[in-house]
Protein backbone atom coordinates (compact mmCIF):
# COMPACT_ATOMS: atom_id res chain seq x y z
CA MET A 1 -0.66 -0.43 35.95
CA ARG A 2 -0.95 -1.89 32.49
CA ARG A 3 1.64 -4.60 33.26
CA ARG A 4 -0.20 -5.55 36.42
CA ARG A 5 -3.47 -6.03 34.50
CA LEU A 6 -1.68 -8.04 31.85
CA GLY A 7 -0.04 -10.21 34.53
CA LEU A 8 -3.36 -10.73 36.27
CA LEU A 9 -5.00 -11.63 32.96
CA LEU A 10 -2.24 -14.12 32.11
CA ALA A 11 -2.38 -15.71 35.57
CA THR A 12 -6.16 -16.06 35.33
CA ALA A 13 -5.88 -17.63 31.87
CA ALA A 14 -3.22 -20.07 33.08
CA LEU A 15 -5.39 -21.14 36.02
CA ALA A 16 -8.39 -21.60 33.74
CA VAL A 17 -6.42 -23.80 31.36
CA THR A 18 -4.84 -25.98 34.05
CA GLY A 19 -8.07 -26.20 36.04
CA CYS A 20 -9.98 -27.74 33.15
CA GLY A 21 -8.01 -30.97 33.16
CA SER A 22 -7.78 -33.48 30.34
CA SER A 23 -10.33 -35.96 29.09
CA SER A 24 -7.57 -38.58 28.84
CA SER A 25 -7.04 -38.58 32.59
CA SER A 26 -10.48 -39.89 33.49
CA THR A 27 -12.15 -43.14 32.65
CA THR A 28 -15.46 -41.69 31.47
CA ALA A 29 -16.82 -38.51 30.00
CA THR A 30 -19.41 -38.02 32.72
CA GLY A 31 -17.20 -39.57 35.37
CA PRO A 32 -18.41 -41.99 37.96
CA SER A 33 -16.27 -41.74 41.06
CA PRO A 34 -12.69 -42.92 40.49
CA LEU A 35 -11.83 -46.53 41.17
CA PRO A 36 -9.73 -47.15 44.29
CA SER A 37 -5.99 -47.36 43.72
CA GLY A 38 -4.67 -50.81 42.84
CA PRO A 39 -5.72 -53.78 40.70
CA VAL A 40 -9.26 -53.66 39.32
CA PRO A 41 -10.66 -57.10 40.15
CA ASP A 42 -14.03 -56.65 38.40
CA ALA A 43 -12.57 -55.33 35.15
CA ARG A 44 -13.80 -57.37 32.19
CA VAL A 45 -10.95 -57.70 29.70
CA LEU A 46 -12.37 -58.33 26.25
CA PRO A 47 -10.56 -60.60 23.79
CA LEU A 48 -7.33 -58.94 22.71
CA VAL A 49 -7.30 -57.61 19.16
CA ALA A 50 -4.03 -58.55 17.45
CA MET A 51 -3.15 -57.28 13.98
CA HIS A 52 -0.03 -57.75 11.83
CA GLY A 53 1.77 -54.79 10.32
CA VAL A 54 -0.36 -52.11 11.96
CA ALA A 55 0.85 -48.90 13.53
CA GLY A 56 -0.37 -47.74 16.91
CA GLN A 57 1.30 -46.01 19.81
CA VAL A 58 1.96 -48.45 22.67
CA SER A 59 0.91 -46.92 25.98
CA THR A 60 0.07 -48.26 29.41
CA GLN A 61 -2.34 -45.36 30.01
CA ALA A 62 -5.83 -46.43 28.96
CA MET A 63 -7.97 -44.05 26.92
CA PRO A 64 -11.64 -43.66 27.84
CA LEU A 65 -13.85 -45.01 25.04
CA VAL A 66 -17.28 -44.04 26.32
CA THR A 67 -18.35 -41.44 23.77
CA PRO A 68 -18.41 -41.77 19.98
CA ALA A 69 -15.80 -38.98 19.77
CA GLN A 70 -13.42 -40.84 22.11
CA GLN A 71 -13.87 -44.04 20.12
CA ALA A 72 -13.27 -42.24 16.81
CA ALA A 73 -10.06 -40.67 18.17
CA PHE A 74 -8.83 -44.07 19.33
CA VAL A 75 -9.59 -45.75 15.98
CA ARG A 76 -7.91 -42.96 13.96
CA GLN A 77 -4.47 -44.01 15.18
CA PHE A 78 -4.69 -47.15 13.03
CA PRO A 79 -4.05 -46.78 9.30
CA GLY A 80 -6.33 -48.48 6.82
CA ALA A 81 -10.06 -49.06 6.63
CA LEU A 82 -9.84 -52.81 7.31
CA VAL A 83 -7.98 -52.36 10.59
CA GLN A 84 -10.24 -49.51 11.68
CA ARG A 85 -13.32 -51.64 10.94
CA ARG A 86 -11.90 -54.47 13.05
CA VAL A 87 -11.25 -52.18 16.04
CA ARG A 88 -14.69 -50.54 15.69
CA GLY A 89 -16.27 -54.01 15.70
CA ALA A 90 -14.43 -54.88 18.90
CA LEU A 91 -15.65 -51.62 20.44
CA ARG A 92 -19.29 -52.39 19.58
CA ALA A 93 -19.38 -55.78 21.34
CA PRO A 94 -19.31 -54.53 24.97
CA LEU A 95 -21.81 -51.77 24.23
CA GLN A 96 -24.31 -54.39 23.07
CA HIS A 97 -23.90 -56.20 26.41
CA GLY A 98 -24.38 -53.14 28.61
CA GLY A 99 -20.73 -52.08 28.77
CA SER A 100 -20.69 -48.41 29.62
CA ASN A 101 -17.28 -47.71 31.09
CA LEU A 102 -14.99 -48.88 28.31
CA VAL A 103 -11.27 -48.03 28.09
CA GLY A 104 -8.63 -49.17 25.63
CA ALA A 105 -4.91 -49.14 24.96
CA VAL A 106 -2.37 -50.43 22.49
CA VAL A 107 -0.53 -52.73 24.88
CA ALA A 108 2.13 -54.37 22.69
CA SER A 109 3.89 -54.22 19.36
CA GLY A 110 6.32 -57.00 18.59
CA CYS A 111 6.66 -60.62 17.58
CA ASP A 112 4.19 -62.06 20.09
CA VAL A 113 0.66 -61.49 21.31
CA PRO A 114 0.68 -61.18 25.11
CA PRO A 115 -1.33 -63.82 26.99
CA GLY A 116 -3.41 -61.13 28.71
CA VAL A 117 -3.26 -57.80 30.52
CA VAL A 118 -3.23 -56.44 34.06
CA VAL A 119 -5.63 -53.56 34.78
CA THR A 120 -4.75 -51.11 37.56
CA ALA A 121 -6.42 -47.90 38.77
CA ASP A 122 -4.46 -44.97 40.17
CA GLY A 123 -7.27 -43.79 42.48
CA GLN A 124 -7.62 -40.47 40.63
CA GLY A 125 -9.54 -41.64 37.58
CA GLY A 126 -6.59 -42.97 35.58
CA VAL A 127 -6.33 -46.59 34.51
CA THR A 128 -3.28 -48.48 33.28
CA VAL A 129 -3.45 -51.57 31.12
CA VAL A 130 -0.17 -53.50 30.97
CA ALA A 131 0.52 -56.56 28.82
CA LYS A 132 1.47 -59.74 30.67
CA GLU A 133 4.89 -61.13 29.85
CA VAL A 134 5.08 -63.68 27.05
CA PRO A 135 6.53 -66.92 28.52
CA SER A 136 8.60 -67.89 25.45
CA PRO A 137 9.00 -64.83 23.23
CA LEU A 138 10.01 -65.28 19.63
CA PRO A 139 13.55 -64.00 18.98
CA GLU A 140 12.56 -62.27 15.72
CA CYS A 141 9.67 -61.84 13.32
CA LEU A 142 9.09 -60.57 9.81
CA ILE A 143 5.97 -58.55 10.57
CA PRO A 144 5.34 -57.20 14.07
CA VAL A 145 1.98 -57.74 15.75
CA THR A 146 0.13 -54.80 17.32
CA THR A 147 -2.11 -55.81 20.23
CA VAL A 148 -5.04 -53.72 21.44
CA ALA A 149 -6.73 -54.32 24.81
CA LEU A 150 -10.29 -53.19 25.53
CA VAL A 151 -11.51 -53.28 29.11
CA ASP A 152 -15.00 -52.77 30.49
CA LEU A 153 -14.51 -51.26 33.94
CA PRO A 154 -17.00 -51.70 36.78
CA VAL A 155 -19.43 -48.83 37.26
CA ASP A 156 -20.29 -47.66 40.79
């Protein structure tokens, strides 16, 4: 009887944990309805932020940057006050112009700054931001460039 209660308790806990989801899988904290699957034509890609000699985990999965906590978590991945200030400044610009559904990603780290990005929704609240291919990439560089893309998504 005791094992059965323990098993029931563990199963309930597992369902509770998996049912909560993850804040990184949606585009906003309060969540307007997910964008339809495919390219996001009305996405406003802000000027790319390119920095030399900066860390940052390259990922195609965009992070929601709607709340101050989400923005702080995104900025923390970059070492150094100067770099963090630059990214925070880039985050403030769309908020001053009514941007309310902001996402961001580190889209490249290498010798070149990509010419732009492609923004795609998965239909379930996830958004990918992929760097466009550089037409004539440099064969080598002394200090790699980290490129950050910020995108203001359309709100329903």
